[in-house]
Amino acid sequence: MGKKGIKIEDLARELGLTARQLMERCRAEGLAVQNSITKLRADQERRVRSWFVRDAVDADRQASAPAESSPSVRDDNLGRCEPKSRSNLVDGG
């Protein structure tokens, strides 16, 4: 009987990632993976899934947090040009 577990490539597909992205994250977090068909044990799978649940929660918090607004500056003359008189354009020399 083969080794039980989920393959990196299958888990990546479920999480909406490429296998390469998931392998890079696993390695960055200290989880040794050889290639995209490496199978993760149940405890490893839970650990990996928790990274992405936590990331999603953090992203939701940032999206729902009130944005820091800068003071609004409005110039009513913005985009309007006052035509210069002809005398200003011609050198009176």
N, C-alpha and C. Protein backbone atom coordinates (compact mmCIF):
# COMPACT_ATOMS: atom_id res chain seq x y z
N MET A 1 0.84 -1.19 0.00
CA MET A 1 0.00 0.00 0.00
C MET A 1 0.88 1.24 0.00
N GLY A 2 0.49 2.25 -0.78
CA GLY A 2 1.29 3.45 -0.92
C GLY A 2 1.20 4.36 0.29
N LYS A 3 2.06 5.29 0.32
CA LYS A 3 2.12 6.28 1.40
C LYS A 3 0.87 7.16 1.36
N LYS A 4 0.21 7.33 2.50
CA LYS A 4 -0.99 8.16 2.56
C LYS A 4 -0.60 9.62 2.65
N GLY A 5 -1.50 10.47 2.22
CA GLY A 5 -1.27 11.91 2.30
C GLY A 5 -1.69 12.59 1.02
N ILE A 6 -1.60 13.89 1.04
CA ILE A 6 -1.98 14.69 -0.14
C ILE A 6 -0.71 15.19 -0.82
N LYS A 7 -0.72 15.15 -2.13
CA LYS A 7 0.43 15.64 -2.90
C LYS A 7 0.46 17.16 -2.87
N ILE A 8 1.66 17.69 -2.92
CA ILE A 8 1.85 19.15 -2.97
C ILE A 8 1.04 19.74 -4.11
N GLU A 9 1.11 19.12 -5.29
CA GLU A 9 0.41 19.68 -6.45
C GLU A 9 -1.10 19.69 -6.25
N ASP A 10 -1.65 18.69 -5.58
CA ASP A 10 -3.09 18.65 -5.34
C ASP A 10 -3.51 19.69 -4.31
N LEU A 11 -2.73 19.82 -3.26
CA LEU A 11 -3.02 20.83 -2.23
C LEU A 11 -2.89 22.23 -2.81
N ALA A 12 -1.87 22.44 -3.62
CA ALA A 12 -1.68 23.75 -4.26
C ALA A 12 -2.90 24.11 -5.10
N ARG A 13 -3.40 23.14 -5.86
CA ARG A 13 -4.58 23.38 -6.71
C ARG A 13 -5.77 23.78 -5.84
N GLU A 14 -5.97 23.09 -4.71
CA GLU A 14 -7.07 23.42 -3.80
C GLU A 14 -6.94 24.84 -3.24
N LEU A 15 -5.71 25.24 -3.00
CA LEU A 15 -5.46 26.56 -2.39
C LEU A 15 -5.37 27.68 -3.42
N GLY A 16 -5.46 27.33 -4.70
CA GLY A 16 -5.40 28.34 -5.75
C GLY A 16 -3.98 28.82 -6.03
N LEU A 17 -3.00 27.95 -5.80
CA LEU A 17 -1.60 28.28 -6.02
C LEU A 17 -1.01 27.34 -7.05
N THR A 18 0.19 27.68 -7.51
CA THR A 18 0.94 26.73 -8.32
C THR A 18 1.72 25.83 -7.35
N ALA A 19 2.10 24.67 -7.83
CA ALA A 19 2.90 23.76 -7.00
C ALA A 19 4.21 24.43 -6.60
N ARG A 20 4.78 25.18 -7.52
CA ARG A 20 6.04 25.88 -7.24
C ARG A 20 5.87 26.88 -6.10
N GLN A 21 4.79 27.65 -6.14
CA GLN A 21 4.54 28.63 -5.07
C GLN A 21 4.41 27.93 -3.72
N LEU A 22 3.67 26.83 -3.70
CA LEU A 22 3.48 26.12 -2.45
C LEU A 22 4.78 25.49 -1.96
N MET A 23 5.57 24.95 -2.86
CA MET A 23 6.86 24.37 -2.46
C MET A 23 7.77 25.45 -1.88
N GLU A 24 7.80 26.62 -2.50
CA GLU A 24 8.63 27.72 -1.99
C GLU A 24 8.18 28.14 -0.60
N ARG A 25 6.88 28.21 -0.37
CA ARG A 25 6.37 28.59 0.95
C ARG A 25 6.72 27.52 1.98
N CYS A 26 6.56 26.26 1.60
CA CYS A 26 6.91 25.16 2.51
C CYS A 26 8.37 25.24 2.91
N ARG A 27 9.21 25.44 1.95
CA ARG A 27 10.66 25.52 2.23
C ARG A 27 10.98 26.73 3.11
N ALA A 28 10.32 27.85 2.84
CA ALA A 28 10.54 29.06 3.63
C ALA A 28 10.11 28.87 5.08
N GLU A 29 9.10 28.03 5.28
CA GLU A 29 8.58 27.77 6.63
C GLU A 29 9.31 26.60 7.30
N GLY A 30 10.30 26.02 6.60
CA GLY A 30 11.10 24.95 7.19
C GLY A 30 10.56 23.55 6.98
N LEU A 31 9.63 23.39 6.06
CA LEU A 31 9.06 22.09 5.76
C LEU A 31 9.78 21.53 4.53
N ALA A 32 10.46 20.41 4.70
CA ALA A 32 11.25 19.84 3.60
C ALA A 32 10.35 19.16 2.59
N VAL A 33 10.38 19.66 1.36
CA VAL A 33 9.64 19.03 0.26
C VAL A 33 10.61 18.84 -0.90
N GLN A 34 10.49 17.71 -1.57
CA GLN A 34 11.39 17.40 -2.67
C GLN A 34 10.88 17.94 -4.00
N ASN A 35 9.60 17.66 -4.29
CA ASN A 35 9.03 18.06 -5.57
C ASN A 35 7.52 18.13 -5.44
N SER A 36 6.84 18.36 -6.57
CA SER A 36 5.40 18.59 -6.52
C SER A 36 4.59 17.34 -6.20
N ILE A 37 5.20 16.16 -6.30
CA ILE A 37 4.45 14.95 -5.96
C ILE A 37 4.80 14.43 -4.56
N THR A 38 5.56 15.22 -3.81
CA THR A 38 5.82 14.89 -2.41
C THR A 38 4.48 14.86 -1.68
N LYS A 39 4.28 13.82 -0.88
CA LYS A 39 3.04 13.71 -0.12
C LYS A 39 3.26 14.25 1.29
N LEU A 40 2.30 15.00 1.76
CA LEU A 40 2.33 15.55 3.10
C LEU A 40 1.51 14.66 4.03
N ARG A 41 2.01 14.46 5.24
CA ARG A 41 1.25 13.76 6.26
C ARG A 41 0.09 14.67 6.70
N ALA A 42 -0.85 14.10 7.41
CA ALA A 42 -2.03 14.86 7.85
C ALA A 42 -1.63 16.06 8.70
N ASP A 43 -0.67 15.89 9.61
CA ASP A 43 -0.25 17.01 10.45
C ASP A 43 0.44 18.10 9.63
N GLN A 44 1.20 17.70 8.62
CA GLN A 44 1.86 18.68 7.74
C GLN A 44 0.82 19.43 6.91
N GLU A 45 -0.16 18.69 6.43
CA GLU A 45 -1.22 19.32 5.64
C GLU A 45 -1.97 20.36 6.46
N ARG A 46 -2.31 20.04 7.71
CA ARG A 46 -2.99 21.00 8.58
C ARG A 46 -2.14 22.24 8.78
N ARG A 47 -0.85 22.02 8.97
CA ARG A 47 0.07 23.14 9.18
C ARG A 47 0.10 24.06 7.95
N VAL A 48 0.21 23.45 6.78
CA VAL A 48 0.26 24.23 5.53
C VAL A 48 -1.05 24.99 5.33
N ARG A 49 -2.16 24.31 5.52
CA ARG A 49 -3.46 24.97 5.35
C ARG A 49 -3.60 26.15 6.33
N SER A 50 -3.07 25.99 7.53
CA SER A 50 -3.19 27.06 8.53
C SER A 50 -2.46 28.32 8.08
N TRP A 51 -1.38 28.18 7.33
CA TRP A 51 -0.66 29.35 6.83
C TRP A 51 -1.57 30.19 5.96
N PHE A 52 -2.33 29.53 5.10
CA PHE A 52 -3.13 30.24 4.13
C PHE A 52 -4.43 30.75 4.73
N VAL A 53 -4.95 30.06 5.74
CA VAL A 53 -6.12 30.57 6.46
C VAL A 53 -5.71 31.83 7.20
N ARG A 54 -4.55 31.79 7.87
CA ARG A 54 -4.05 32.95 8.60
C ARG A 54 -3.79 34.11 7.65
N ASP A 55 -3.20 33.83 6.48
CA ASP A 55 -2.94 34.88 5.49
C ASP A 55 -4.24 35.50 5.00
N ALA A 56 -5.26 34.67 4.79
CA ALA A 56 -6.55 35.17 4.31
C ALA A 56 -7.21 36.04 5.38
N VAL A 57 -7.12 35.63 6.63
CA VAL A 57 -7.69 36.42 7.73
C VAL A 57 -6.98 37.76 7.83
N ASP A 58 -5.65 37.75 7.73
CA ASP A 58 -4.89 39.00 7.78
C ASP A 58 -5.28 39.92 6.63
N ALA A 59 -5.47 39.36 5.44
CA ALA A 59 -5.85 40.16 4.28
C ALA A 59 -7.24 40.76 4.49
N ASP A 60 -8.16 39.96 5.05
CA ASP A 60 -9.51 40.47 5.32
C ASP A 60 -9.48 41.60 6.32
N ARG A 61 -8.65 41.46 7.35
CA ARG A 61 -8.54 42.52 8.36
C ARG A 61 -8.02 43.81 7.74
N GLN A 62 -7.03 43.69 6.86
CA GLN A 62 -6.48 44.88 6.23
C GLN A 62 -7.51 45.52 5.31
N ALA A 63 -8.27 44.70 4.62
CA ALA A 63 -9.27 45.23 3.69
C ALA A 63 -10.41 45.91 4.43
N SER A 64 -10.76 45.40 5.61
CA SER A 64 -11.88 45.98 6.34
C SER A 64 -11.47 47.10 7.29
N ALA A 65 -10.17 47.26 7.50
CA ALA A 65 -9.69 48.33 8.37
C ALA A 65 -9.94 49.68 7.70
N PRO A 66 -10.30 50.69 8.48
CA PRO A 66 -10.51 52.00 7.88
C PRO A 66 -9.21 52.53 7.27
N ALA A 67 -9.33 53.02 6.08
CA ALA A 67 -8.16 53.53 5.38
C ALA A 67 -7.73 54.85 6.00
N GLU A 68 -6.44 55.04 6.06
CA GLU A 68 -5.93 56.31 6.55
C GLU A 68 -6.10 57.33 5.44
N SER A 69 -6.92 58.30 5.71
CA SER A 69 -7.19 59.27 4.65
C SER A 69 -6.30 60.49 4.82
N SER A 70 -5.89 60.97 3.69
CA SER A 70 -5.12 62.21 3.70
C SER A 70 -6.11 63.34 3.48
N PRO A 71 -5.78 64.51 3.93
CA PRO A 71 -6.71 65.63 3.74
C PRO A 71 -6.98 65.84 2.26
N SER A 72 -8.22 66.06 1.97
CA SER A 72 -8.60 66.26 0.59
C SER A 72 -8.30 67.70 0.18
N VAL A 73 -7.62 67.83 -0.91
CA VAL A 73 -7.29 69.16 -1.42
C VAL A 73 -7.95 69.29 -2.77
N ARG A 74 -8.76 70.31 -2.89
CA ARG A 74 -9.42 70.52 -4.17
C ARG A 74 -9.17 71.94 -4.61
N ASP A 75 -8.68 72.04 -5.81
CA ASP A 75 -8.43 73.35 -6.39
C ASP A 75 -9.48 73.55 -7.48
N ASP A 76 -10.35 74.52 -7.28
CA ASP A 76 -11.41 74.74 -8.25
C ASP A 76 -10.88 75.18 -9.60
N ASN A 77 -9.67 75.70 -9.64
CA ASN A 77 -9.10 76.13 -10.91
C ASN A 77 -8.28 75.03 -11.57
N LEU A 78 -8.29 73.87 -10.98
CA LEU A 78 -7.50 72.76 -11.50
C LEU A 78 -7.96 72.42 -12.91
N GLY A 79 -7.05 72.42 -13.83
CA GLY A 79 -7.35 72.07 -15.20
C GLY A 79 -7.83 73.22 -16.05
N ARG A 80 -8.01 74.36 -15.47
CA ARG A 80 -8.45 75.52 -16.25
C ARG A 80 -7.25 76.39 -16.57
N CYS A 81 -7.22 76.85 -17.76
CA CYS A 81 -6.13 77.76 -18.18
C CYS A 81 -6.74 79.10 -18.53
N GLU A 82 -6.13 80.10 -18.00
CA GLU A 82 -6.54 81.45 -18.35
C GLU A 82 -5.76 81.86 -19.59
N PRO A 83 -6.43 82.22 -20.64
CA PRO A 83 -5.69 82.62 -21.84
C PRO A 83 -4.94 83.91 -21.56
N LYS A 84 -3.71 83.91 -22.00
CA LYS A 84 -2.91 85.12 -21.85
C LYS A 84 -3.26 86.09 -22.97
N SER A 85 -3.18 87.34 -22.64
CA SER A 85 -3.49 88.31 -23.67
C SER A 85 -2.38 88.31 -24.70
N ARG A 86 -2.69 88.75 -25.86
CA ARG A 86 -1.74 88.76 -26.97
C ARG A 86 -0.53 89.63 -26.64
N SER A 87 -0.71 90.66 -25.88
CA SER A 87 0.38 91.56 -25.56
C SER A 87 1.43 90.87 -24.68
N ASN A 88 1.01 89.91 -23.87
CA ASN A 88 1.94 89.17 -23.04
C ASN A 88 2.78 88.17 -23.83
N LEU A 89 2.25 87.73 -24.97
CA LEU A 89 2.94 86.71 -25.75
C LEU A 89 3.98 87.32 -26.69
N VAL A 90 3.77 88.56 -27.10
CA VAL A 90 4.66 89.20 -28.05
C VAL A 90 5.69 90.04 -27.31
N ASP A 91 6.93 89.85 -27.65
CA ASP A 91 7.97 90.63 -27.01
C ASP A 91 7.85 92.08 -27.47
N GLY A 92 7.72 92.95 -26.53
CA GLY A 92 7.49 94.36 -26.85
C GLY A 92 8.75 95.14 -27.14
N GLY A 93 9.90 94.52 -27.33
CA GLY A 93 11.19 95.09 -27.46
C GLY A 93 11.47 96.08 -28.40
